[in-house]
């Protein structure tokens, strides 16, 4: 990810553009957000099918920034666990 552009829409709503990311990342972070009971709504919209430009919308009961931060941390932890599993399985790094 090159950078993230965060726009606060209201006290409980955010719009975030993760520059350089596509469907895979947006879908993963959205799914992790929806696991949090504080999150009322999480979705993303791709501006054009051939573009990597998309925006994530998050509405939470409170502090959507915290929900996004925690979802990203859980995603990173799980991705690390998967990488470790395959390293052990294959005996080395890919």
PDB file of N, CA and C in Angstrom:
ATOM      1  N   UNK A   1       0.847  -1.162   0.000  1.00  0.00           N
ATOM      2  CA  UNK A   1       0.000   0.000   0.000  1.00  0.00           C
ATOM      3  C   UNK A   1       0.899   1.233   0.000  1.00  0.00           C
ATOM      4  N   UNK A   2       0.604   2.135  -0.889  1.00  0.00           N
ATOM      5  CA  UNK A   2       1.399   3.353  -1.011  1.00  0.00           C
ATOM      6  C   UNK A   2       1.039   4.366   0.071  1.00  0.00           C
ATOM      7  N   UNK A   3      -0.248   4.573   0.267  1.00  0.00           N
ATOM      8  CA  UNK A   3      -0.730   5.505   1.286  1.00  0.00           C
ATOM      9  C   UNK A   3      -2.221   5.293   1.481  1.00  0.00           C
ATOM     10  N   UNK A   4      -2.755   5.905   2.516  1.00  0.00           N
ATOM     11  CA  UNK A   4      -4.197   5.854   2.771  1.00  0.00           C
ATOM     12  C   UNK A   4      -4.699   7.284   2.917  1.00  0.00           C
ATOM     13  N   UNK A   5      -5.793   7.570   2.234  1.00  0.00           N
ATOM     14  CA  UNK A   5      -6.424   8.879   2.322  1.00  0.00           C
ATOM     15  C   UNK A   5      -7.715   8.693   3.110  1.00  0.00           C
ATOM     16  N   UNK A   6      -7.788   9.317   4.276  1.00  0.00           N
ATOM     17  CA  UNK A   6      -8.932   9.151   5.172  1.00  0.00           C
ATOM     18  C   UNK A   6      -9.767  10.417   5.177  1.00  0.00           C
ATOM     19  N   UNK A   7     -11.062  10.232   4.982  1.00  0.00           N
ATOM     20  CA  UNK A   7     -12.001  11.354   5.025  1.00  0.00           C
ATOM     21  C   UNK A   7     -13.060  11.026   6.073  1.00  0.00           C
ATOM     22  N   UNK A   8     -13.155  11.858   7.079  1.00  0.00           N
ATOM     23  CA  UNK A   8     -14.148  11.670   8.154  1.00  0.00           C
ATOM     24  C   UNK A   8     -15.468  12.255   7.660  1.00  0.00           C
ATOM     25  N   UNK A   9     -16.477  11.406   7.466  1.00  0.00           N
ATOM     26  CA  UNK A   9     -17.773  11.855   6.968  1.00  0.00           C
ATOM     27  C   UNK A   9     -18.662  12.353   8.096  1.00  0.00           C
ATOM     28  N   UNK A  10     -18.529  11.736   9.258  1.00  0.00           N
ATOM     29  CA  UNK A  10     -19.253  12.155  10.465  1.00  0.00           C
ATOM     30  C   UNK A  10     -18.511  11.549  11.651  1.00  0.00           C
ATOM     31  N   UNK A  11     -19.034  11.738  12.848  1.00  0.00           N
ATOM     32  CA  UNK A  11     -18.366  11.197  14.040  1.00  0.00           C
ATOM     33  C   UNK A  11     -18.229   9.681  13.985  1.00  0.00           C
ATOM     34  N   UNK A  12     -19.149   9.013  13.283  1.00  0.00           N
ATOM     35  CA  UNK A  12     -19.154   7.551  13.242  1.00  0.00           C
ATOM     36  C   UNK A  12     -18.926   6.965  11.856  1.00  0.00           C
ATOM     37  N   UNK A  13     -18.553   7.805  10.889  1.00  0.00           N
ATOM     38  CA  UNK A  13     -18.377   7.321   9.517  1.00  0.00           C
ATOM     39  C   UNK A  13     -17.057   7.782   8.920  1.00  0.00           C
ATOM     40  N   UNK A  14     -16.439   6.864   8.181  1.00  0.00           N
ATOM     41  CA  UNK A  14     -15.191   7.145   7.480  1.00  0.00           C
ATOM     42  C   UNK A  14     -15.282   6.692   6.035  1.00  0.00           C
ATOM     43  N   UNK A  15     -14.504   7.363   5.200  1.00  0.00           N
ATOM     44  CA  UNK A  15     -14.274   6.937   3.828  1.00  0.00           C
ATOM     45  C   UNK A  15     -12.757   6.863   3.698  1.00  0.00           C
ATOM     46  N   UNK A  16     -12.241   5.724   3.259  1.00  0.00           N
ATOM     47  CA  UNK A  16     -10.794   5.544   3.157  1.00  0.00           C
ATOM     48  C   UNK A  16     -10.439   5.035   1.768  1.00  0.00           C
ATOM     49  N   UNK A  17      -9.433   5.669   1.162  1.00  0.00           N
ATOM     50  CA  UNK A  17      -8.881   5.173  -0.093  1.00  0.00           C
ATOM     51  C   UNK A  17      -7.477   4.665   0.201  1.00  0.00           C
ATOM     52  N   UNK A  18      -7.254   3.369  -0.025  1.00  0.00           N
ATOM     53  CA  UNK A  18      -5.932   2.776   0.114  1.00  0.00           C
ATOM     54  C   UNK A  18      -5.303   2.811  -1.274  1.00  0.00           C
ATOM     55  N   UNK A  19      -4.415   3.757  -1.492  1.00  0.00           N
ATOM     56  CA  UNK A  19      -3.837   3.991  -2.817  1.00  0.00           C
ATOM     57  C   UNK A  19      -3.038   2.767  -3.258  1.00  0.00           C
ATOM     58  N   UNK A  20      -3.320   2.301  -4.478  1.00  0.00           N
ATOM     59  CA  UNK A  20      -2.593   1.175  -5.053  1.00  0.00           C
ATOM     60  C   UNK A  20      -3.154  -0.196  -4.716  1.00  0.00           C
ATOM     61  N   UNK A  21      -4.244  -0.245  -3.978  1.00  0.00           N
ATOM     62  CA  UNK A  21      -4.839  -1.534  -3.605  1.00  0.00           C
ATOM     63  C   UNK A  21      -6.078  -1.816  -4.449  1.00  0.00           C
ATOM     64  N   UNK A  22      -6.370  -3.102  -4.638  1.00  0.00           N
ATOM     65  CA  UNK A  22      -7.519  -3.508  -5.437  1.00  0.00           C
ATOM     66  C   UNK A  22      -8.520  -4.323  -4.637  1.00  0.00           C
ATOM     67  N   UNK A  23      -9.343  -5.073  -5.370  1.00  0.00           N
ATOM     68  CA  UNK A  23     -10.422  -5.864  -4.770  1.00  0.00           C
ATOM     69  C   UNK A  23      -9.959  -6.760  -3.621  1.00  0.00           C
ATOM     70  N   UNK A  24      -8.841  -7.433  -3.797  1.00  0.00           N
ATOM     71  CA  UNK A  24      -8.400  -8.405  -2.797  1.00  0.00           C
ATOM     72  C   UNK A  24      -8.247  -7.764  -1.423  1.00  0.00           C
ATOM     73  N   UNK A  25      -7.514  -6.665  -1.358  1.00  0.00           N
ATOM     74  CA  UNK A  25      -7.302  -6.002  -0.075  1.00  0.00           C
ATOM     75  C   UNK A  25      -8.595  -5.432   0.481  1.00  0.00           C
ATOM     76  N   UNK A  26      -9.352  -4.723  -0.352  1.00  0.00           N
ATOM     77  CA  UNK A  26     -10.596  -4.103   0.123  1.00  0.00           C
ATOM     78  C   UNK A  26     -11.581  -5.156   0.636  1.00  0.00           C
ATOM     79  N   UNK A  27     -11.687  -6.265  -0.068  1.00  0.00           N
ATOM     80  CA  UNK A  27     -12.616  -7.307   0.366  1.00  0.00           C
ATOM     81  C   UNK A  27     -12.176  -7.913   1.701  1.00  0.00           C
ATOM     82  N   UNK A  28     -10.884  -8.155   1.864  1.00  0.00           N
ATOM     83  CA  UNK A  28     -10.383  -8.706   3.126  1.00  0.00           C
ATOM     84  C   UNK A  28     -10.624  -7.765   4.299  1.00  0.00           C
ATOM     85  N   UNK A  29     -10.269  -6.503   4.152  1.00  0.00           N
ATOM     86  CA  UNK A  29     -10.433  -5.568   5.267  1.00  0.00           C
ATOM     87  C   UNK A  29     -11.913  -5.374   5.588  1.00  0.00           C
ATOM     88  N   UNK A  30     -12.751  -5.385   4.552  1.00  0.00           N
ATOM     89  CA  UNK A  30     -14.204  -5.274   4.772  1.00  0.00           C
ATOM     90  C   UNK A  30     -14.711  -6.454   5.592  1.00  0.00           C
ATOM     91  N   UNK A  31     -14.289  -7.657   5.241  1.00  0.00           N
ATOM     92  CA  UNK A  31     -14.730  -8.852   5.969  1.00  0.00           C
ATOM     93  C   UNK A  31     -14.257  -8.830   7.419  1.00  0.00           C
ATOM     94  N   UNK A  32     -13.036  -8.402   7.648  1.00  0.00           N
ATOM     95  CA  UNK A  32     -12.538  -8.305   9.020  1.00  0.00           C
ATOM     96  C   UNK A  32     -13.298  -7.239   9.800  1.00  0.00           C
ATOM     97  N   UNK A  33     -13.651  -6.140   9.163  1.00  0.00           N
ATOM     98  CA  UNK A  33     -14.442  -5.102   9.830  1.00  0.00           C
ATOM     99  C   UNK A  33     -15.811  -5.633  10.236  1.00  0.00           C
ATOM    100  N   UNK A  34     -16.425  -6.417   9.373  1.00  0.00           N
ATOM    101  CA  UNK A  34     -17.771  -6.919   9.656  1.00  0.00           C
ATOM    102  C   UNK A  34     -17.801  -7.947  10.792  1.00  0.00           C
ATOM    103  N   UNK A  35     -16.648  -8.455  11.186  1.00  0.00           N
ATOM    104  CA  UNK A  35     -16.573  -9.357  12.340  1.00  0.00           C
ATOM    105  C   UNK A  35     -16.684  -8.596  13.664  1.00  0.00           C
ATOM    106  N   UNK A  36     -16.487  -7.298  13.613  1.00  0.00           N
ATOM    107  CA  UNK A  36     -16.515  -6.445  14.807  1.00  0.00           C
ATOM    108  C   UNK A  36     -17.944  -5.975  15.053  1.00  0.00           C
ATOM    109  N   UNK A  37     -18.490  -6.281  16.225  1.00  0.00           N
ATOM    110  CA  UNK A  37     -19.882  -5.914  16.505  1.00  0.00           C
ATOM    111  C   UNK A  37     -20.091  -4.409  16.640  1.00  0.00           C
ATOM    112  N   UNK A  38     -19.013  -3.647  16.777  1.00  0.00           N
ATOM    113  CA  UNK A  38     -19.136  -2.182  16.796  1.00  0.00           C
ATOM    114  C   UNK A  38     -19.409  -1.618  15.405  1.00  0.00           C
ATOM    115  N   UNK A  39     -19.053  -2.388  14.378  1.00  0.00           N
ATOM    116  CA  UNK A  39     -19.196  -1.920  12.998  1.00  0.00           C
ATOM    117  C   UNK A  39     -20.618  -2.185  12.519  1.00  0.00           C
ATOM    118  N   UNK A  40     -21.283  -1.122  12.114  1.00  0.00           N
ATOM    119  CA  UNK A  40     -22.662  -1.219  11.631  1.00  0.00           C
ATOM    120  C   UNK A  40     -22.712  -1.467  10.126  1.00  0.00           C
ATOM    121  N   UNK A  41     -21.708  -0.962   9.396  1.00  0.00           N
ATOM    122  CA  UNK A  41     -21.692  -1.062   7.941  1.00  0.00           C
ATOM    123  C   UNK A  41     -20.253  -0.973   7.470  1.00  0.00           C
ATOM    124  N   UNK A  42     -19.882  -1.828   6.532  1.00  0.00           N
ATOM    125  CA  UNK A  42     -18.572  -1.758   5.888  1.00  0.00           C
ATOM    126  C   UNK A  42     -18.737  -2.266   4.465  1.00  0.00           C
ATOM    127  N   UNK A  43     -18.310  -1.466   3.521  1.00  0.00           N
ATOM    128  CA  UNK A  43     -18.398  -1.838   2.111  1.00  0.00           C
ATOM    129  C   UNK A  43     -17.356  -1.036   1.346  1.00  0.00           C
ATOM    130  N   UNK A  44     -17.067  -1.491   0.138  1.00  0.00           N
ATOM    131  CA  UNK A  44     -16.155  -0.719  -0.697  1.00  0.00           C
ATOM    132  C   UNK A  44     -16.740  -0.605  -2.092  1.00  0.00           C
ATOM    133  N   UNK A  45     -16.275   0.405  -2.796  1.00  0.00           N
ATOM    134  CA  UNK A  45     -16.746   0.646  -4.154  1.00  0.00           C
ATOM    135  C   UNK A  45     -15.541   0.917  -5.041  1.00  0.00           C
ATOM    136  N   UNK A  46     -15.447   0.175  -6.139  1.00  0.00           N
ATOM    137  CA  UNK A  46     -14.404   0.393  -7.132  1.00  0.00           C
ATOM    138  C   UNK A  46     -14.949   1.399  -8.136  1.00  0.00           C
ATOM    139  N   UNK A  47     -14.185   2.451  -8.379  1.00  0.00           N
ATOM    140  CA  UNK A  47     -14.675   3.513  -9.254  1.00  0.00           C
ATOM    141  C   UNK A  47     -14.833   3.059 -10.707  1.00  0.00           C
ATOM    142  N   UNK A  48     -13.941   2.178 -11.161  1.00  0.00           N
ATOM    143  CA  UNK A  48     -14.013   1.663 -12.532  1.00  0.00           C
ATOM    144  C   UNK A  48     -13.366   0.283 -12.547  1.00  0.00           C
ATOM    145  N   UNK A  49     -13.924  -0.681 -13.283  1.00  0.00           N
ATOM    146  CA  UNK A  49     -13.385  -2.053 -13.277  1.00  0.00           C
ATOM    147  C   UNK A  49     -11.912  -2.158 -13.685  1.00  0.00           C
ATOM    148  N   UNK A  50     -11.440  -1.251 -14.516  1.00  0.00           N
ATOM    149  CA  UNK A  50     -10.050  -1.301 -14.958  1.00  0.00           C
ATOM    150  C   UNK A  50      -9.125  -0.467 -14.084  1.00  0.00           C
ATOM    151  N   UNK A  51      -9.679   0.170 -13.090  1.00  0.00           N
ATOM    152  CA  UNK A  51      -8.911   1.042 -12.206  1.00  0.00           C
ATOM    153  C   UNK A  51      -8.692   0.365 -10.864  1.00  0.00           C
ATOM    154  N   UNK A  52      -7.561   0.685 -10.232  1.00  0.00           N
ATOM    155  CA  UNK A  52      -7.328   0.197  -8.870  1.00  0.00           C
ATOM    156  C   UNK A  52      -7.859   1.196  -7.849  1.00  0.00           C
ATOM    157  N   UNK A  53      -8.581   2.181  -8.303  1.00  0.00           N
ATOM    158  CA  UNK A  53      -9.083   3.219  -7.408  1.00  0.00           C
ATOM    159  C   UNK A  53     -10.401   2.767  -6.783  1.00  0.00           C
ATOM    160  N   UNK A  54     -10.398   2.685  -5.455  1.00  0.00           N
ATOM    161  CA  UNK A  54     -11.592   2.259  -4.724  1.00  0.00           C
ATOM    162  C   UNK A  54     -11.646   3.010  -3.402  1.00  0.00           C
ATOM    163  N   UNK A  55     -12.806   2.948  -2.763  1.00  0.00           N
ATOM    164  CA  UNK A  55     -12.985   3.590  -1.462  1.00  0.00           C
ATOM    165  C   UNK A  55     -13.730   2.642  -0.538  1.00  0.00           C
ATOM    166  N   UNK A  56     -13.291   2.612   0.706  1.00  0.00           N
ATOM    167  CA  UNK A  56     -13.911   1.811   1.751  1.00  0.00           C
ATOM    168  C   UNK A  56     -14.761   2.741   2.604  1.00  0.00           C
ATOM    169  N   UNK A  57     -15.997   2.322   2.869  1.00  0.00           N
ATOM    170  CA  UNK A  57     -16.900   3.094   3.721  1.00  0.00           C
ATOM    171  C   UNK A  57     -17.140   2.298   4.993  1.00  0.00           C
ATOM    172  N   UNK A  58     -16.995   2.960   6.134  1.00  0.00           N
ATOM    173  CA  UNK A  58     -17.172   2.299   7.425  1.00  0.00           C
ATOM    174  C   UNK A  58     -18.072   3.157   8.305  1.00  0.00           C
ATOM    175  N   UNK A  59     -19.097   2.528   8.868  1.00  0.00           N
ATOM    176  CA  UNK A  59     -19.947   3.181   9.865  1.00  0.00           C
ATOM    177  C   UNK A  59     -19.909   2.305  11.112  1.00  0.00           C
ATOM    178  N   UNK A  60     -19.615   2.923  12.245  1.00  0.00           N
ATOM    179  CA  UNK A  60     -19.506   2.179  13.501  1.00  0.00           C
ATOM    180  C   UNK A  60     -20.316   2.871  14.587  1.00  0.00           C
ATOM    181  N   UNK A  61     -20.593   2.123  15.640  1.00  0.00           N
ATOM    182  CA  UNK A  61     -21.310   2.705  16.781  1.00  0.00           C
ATOM    183  C   UNK A  61     -20.495   3.838  17.388  1.00  0.00           C
ATOM    184  N   UNK A  62     -19.166   3.667  17.374  1.00  0.00           N
ATOM    185  CA  UNK A  62     -18.258   4.706  17.862  1.00  0.00           C
ATOM    186  C   UNK A  62     -16.858   4.412  17.321  1.00  0.00           C
ATOM    187  N   UNK A  63     -16.057   5.414  17.197  1.00  0.00           N
ATOM    188  CA  UNK A  63     -14.654   5.332  16.797  1.00  0.00           C
ATOM    189  C   UNK A  63     -14.370   4.388  15.621  1.00  0.00           C
ATOM    190  N   UNK A  64     -14.820   4.739  14.422  1.00  0.00           N
ATOM    191  CA  UNK A  64     -14.540   3.873  13.275  1.00  0.00           C
ATOM    192  C   UNK A  64     -13.045   3.741  12.982  1.00  0.00           C
ATOM    193  N   UNK A  65     -12.256   4.751  13.339  1.00  0.00           N
ATOM    194  CA  UNK A  65     -10.802   4.669  13.133  1.00  0.00           C
ATOM    195  C   UNK A  65     -10.212   3.504  13.925  1.00  0.00           C
ATOM    196  N   UNK A  66     -10.682   3.330  15.147  1.00  0.00           N
ATOM    197  CA  UNK A  66     -10.203   2.230  15.988  1.00  0.00           C
ATOM    198  C   UNK A  66     -10.601   0.885  15.390  1.00  0.00           C
ATOM    199  N   UNK A  67     -11.810   0.798  14.886  1.00  0.00           N
ATOM    200  CA  UNK A  67     -12.277  -0.452  14.271  1.00  0.00           C
ATOM    201  C   UNK A  67     -11.418  -0.815  13.062  1.00  0.00           C
ATOM    202  N   UNK A  68     -11.085   0.171  12.231  1.00  0.00           N
ATOM    203  CA  UNK A  68     -10.252  -0.088  11.049  1.00  0.00           C
ATOM    204  C   UNK A  68      -8.852  -0.508  11.483  1.00  0.00           C
ATOM    205  N   UNK A  69      -8.294   0.186  12.445  1.00  0.00           N
ATOM    206  CA  UNK A  69      -6.958  -0.140  12.939  1.00  0.00           C
ATOM    207  C   UNK A  69      -6.903  -1.560  13.508  1.00  0.00           C
ATOM    208  N   UNK A  70      -7.897  -1.922  14.293  1.00  0.00           N
ATOM    209  CA  UNK A  70      -7.929  -3.262  14.888  1.00  0.00           C
ATOM    210  C   UNK A  70      -8.163  -4.343  13.835  1.00  0.00           C
ATOM    211  N   UNK A  71      -9.009  -4.061  12.850  1.00  0.00           N
ATOM    212  CA  UNK A  71      -9.243  -5.027  11.768  1.00  0.00           C
ATOM    213  C   UNK A  71      -7.963  -5.244  10.970  1.00  0.00           C
ATOM    214  N   UNK A  72      -7.230  -4.172  10.693  1.00  0.00           N
ATOM    215  CA  UNK A  72      -5.971  -4.283   9.954  1.00  0.00           C
ATOM    216  C   UNK A  72      -4.944  -5.089  10.750  1.00  0.00           C
ATOM    217  N   UNK A  73      -4.896  -4.886  12.057  1.00  0.00           N
ATOM    218  CA  UNK A  73      -3.960  -5.637  12.904  1.00  0.00           C
ATOM    219  C   UNK A  73      -4.300  -7.129  12.908  1.00  0.00           C
ATOM    220  N   UNK A  74      -5.589  -7.461  13.003  1.00  0.00           N
ATOM    221  CA  UNK A  74      -6.013  -8.868  12.979  1.00  0.00           C
ATOM    222  C   UNK A  74      -5.702  -9.504  11.627  1.00  0.00           C
ATOM    223  N   UNK A  75      -5.930  -8.755  10.557  1.00  0.00           N
ATOM    224  CA  UNK A  75      -5.639  -9.244   9.211  1.00  0.00           C
ATOM    225  C   UNK A  75      -4.146  -9.527   9.062  1.00  0.00           C
ATOM    226  N   UNK A  76      -3.310  -8.610   9.523  1.00  0.00           N
ATOM    227  CA  UNK A  76      -1.860  -8.794   9.439  1.00  0.00           C
ATOM    228  C   UNK A  76      -1.412 -10.011  10.253  1.00  0.00           C
ATOM    229  N   UNK A  77      -1.982 -10.174  11.435  1.00  0.00           N
ATOM    230  CA  UNK A  77      -1.638 -11.320  12.289  1.00  0.00           C
ATOM    231  C   UNK A  77      -2.020 -12.631  11.608  1.00  0.00           C
ATOM    232  N   UNK A  78      -3.222 -12.689  11.044  1.00  0.00           N
ATOM    233  CA  UNK A  78      -3.670 -13.905  10.364  1.00  0.00           C
ATOM    234  C   UNK A  78      -2.835 -14.190   9.120  1.00  0.00           C
ATOM    235  N   UNK A  79      -2.482 -13.154   8.375  1.00  0.00           N
ATOM    236  CA  UNK A  79      -1.646 -13.341   7.183  1.00  0.00           C
ATOM    237  C   UNK A  79      -0.274 -13.879   7.583  1.00  0.00           C
ATOM    238  N   UNK A  80       0.262 -13.377   8.688  1.00  0.00           N
ATOM    239  CA  UNK A  80       1.542 -13.878   9.191  1.00  0.00           C
ATOM    240  C   UNK A  80       1.463 -15.340   9.588  1.00  0.00           C
ATOM    241  N   UNK A  81       0.359 -15.731  10.205  1.00  0.00           N
ATOM    242  CA  UNK A  81       0.173 -17.130  10.604  1.00  0.00           C
ATOM    243  C   UNK A  81       0.099 -18.041   9.383  1.00  0.00           C
ATOM    244  N   UNK A  82      -0.561 -17.591   8.340  1.00  0.00           N
ATOM    245  CA  UNK A  82      -0.649 -18.376   7.104  1.00  0.00           C
ATOM    246  C   UNK A  82       0.738 -18.508   6.476  1.00  0.00           C
ATOM    247  N   UNK A  83       1.490 -17.417   6.434  1.00  0.00           N
ATOM    248  CA  UNK A  83       2.841 -17.453   5.872  1.00  0.00           C
ATOM    249  C   UNK A  83       3.729 -18.416   6.659  1.00  0.00           C
ATOM    250  N   UNK A  84       3.642 -18.377   7.983  1.00  0.00           N
ATOM    251  CA  UNK A  84       4.428 -19.292   8.821  1.00  0.00           C
ATOM    252  C   UNK A  84       4.056 -20.746   8.552  1.00  0.00           C
ATOM    253  N   UNK A  85       2.775 -21.011   8.398  1.00  0.00           N
ATOM    254  CA  UNK A  85       2.319 -22.371   8.113  1.00  0.00           C
ATOM    255  C   UNK A  85       2.949 -22.887   6.824  1.00  0.00           C
ATOM    256  N   UNK A  86       2.915 -22.080   5.765  1.00  0.00           N
ATOM    257  CA  UNK A  86       3.455 -22.533   4.488  1.00  0.00           C
ATOM    258  C   UNK A  86       4.977 -22.616   4.503  1.00  0.00           C
ATOM    259  N   UNK A  87       5.623 -21.779   5.295  1.00  0.00           N
ATOM    260  CA  UNK A  87       7.074 -21.902   5.439  1.00  0.00           C
ATOM    261  C   UNK A  87       7.425 -23.235   6.088  1.00  0.00           C
ATOM    262  N   UNK A  88       6.689 -23.602   7.135  1.00  0.00           N
ATOM    263  CA  UNK A  88       6.929 -24.894   7.794  1.00  0.00           C
ATOM    264  C   UNK A  88       6.602 -26.051   6.851  1.00  0.00           C
ATOM    265  N   UNK A  89       5.538 -25.913   6.113  1.00  0.00           N
ATOM    266  CA  UNK A  89       5.104 -26.962   5.201  1.00  0.00           C
ATOM    267  C   UNK A  89       6.125 -27.184   4.091  1.00  0.00           C
ATOM    268  N   UNK A  90       6.641 -26.077   3.555  1.00  0.00           N
ATOM    269  CA  UNK A  90       7.579 -26.170   2.439  1.00  0.00           C
ATOM    270  C   UNK A  90       9.033 -26.200   2.857  1.00  0.00           C
ATOM    271  N   UNK A  91       9.300 -25.973   4.121  1.00  0.00           N
ATOM    272  CA  UNK A  91      10.675 -26.020   4.591  1.00  0.00           C
ATOM    273  C   UNK A  91      11.493 -24.778   4.291  1.00  0.00           C
ATOM    274  N   UNK A  92      10.885 -23.739   3.805  1.00  0.00           N
ATOM    275  CA  UNK A  92      11.636 -22.515   3.513  1.00  0.00           C
ATOM    276  C   UNK A  92      10.723 -21.427   3.013  1.00  0.00           C
ATOM    277  N   UNK A  93      11.334 -20.354   2.590  1.00  0.00           N
ATOM    278  CA  UNK A  93      10.549 -19.218   2.101  1.00  0.00           C
ATOM    279  C   UNK A  93      10.261 -19.375   0.620  1.00  0.00           C
ATOM    280  N   UNK A  94       9.120 -18.853   0.221  1.00  0.00           N
ATOM    281  CA  UNK A  94       8.727 -18.933  -1.186  1.00  0.00           C
ATOM    282  C   UNK A  94       9.411 -17.855  -1.976  1.00  0.00           C
TER     283      UNK A  94
END
